[in-house]
């Protein structure tokens, strides 16, 4: 059974996603950044919204929960440890939980760092993961509520997935992320090539998302603290991986 995914531009630079399991007719929105574009995408395809899968509580991810739940009567799935901040939550999930979405199994990962209650949704049979603001194409989320150690652990959890796993992140930040990535790992040929491809896509107004675990592993400085070139560039040749990650994140915050 193949899940259908619809990527929906929302707000200034967010992406919402619809996932549709054709066997059962179930349709979920990954987060609710903006109600009107989500409804337009549903109407265009004749789908009925049955679920909201929330990655975290920020308004550009959960702000449409209550309006969509009232309209569709859908089930809101969110983190148990952040239930107080997920509007309309019905189904509370924790790390390692697995639940059925029609004929497809969804696995929940707790990936704190950007927020304390951030989760990701992994569909192993479909080789896809919805990561919210934990991982971006060439980036990672700001550490609003978590420590560098927490975020590094969360990123490692995602990087343990197979290279071919398609990564659906929630923002079009890639061009800015590429400029920063080149500042800390300028001699990475894969990154140089990818940056050129990103510029070409954005010049045509095309998205740079989704990405893949393998592509991020090769080019994203936030998941490459073992890179000798990165370590040399930021002057931390003998530091731990988490120290290198923390310094990379600090530099991005001030870039």
Foldseek 3Di string as FASTA:
>chain_A
DAWDKDWFDDDPWWIKIWIADVVVLEIEIAFPQDPVRVVVVCVVVVGAHAEYEYQDQDCSGQVCVVVNCVVRVHAYEFAPVHVVRRPPHDHHDDAQDWDDDDPWIWGKHQQAFLHNGGIKIDGQVNLEIEREQQDDQLGHHHRPHDDLVSSLVSVVVVLVRDQARWYAYTGQCNLVSLVLLCQQQVPQPLSVVVNVVSVVCVVVPHGPDTDTSNSCCRRRQLNPLVDCSNCVSQVNNPDDSSVSNVVSSVVVVVD
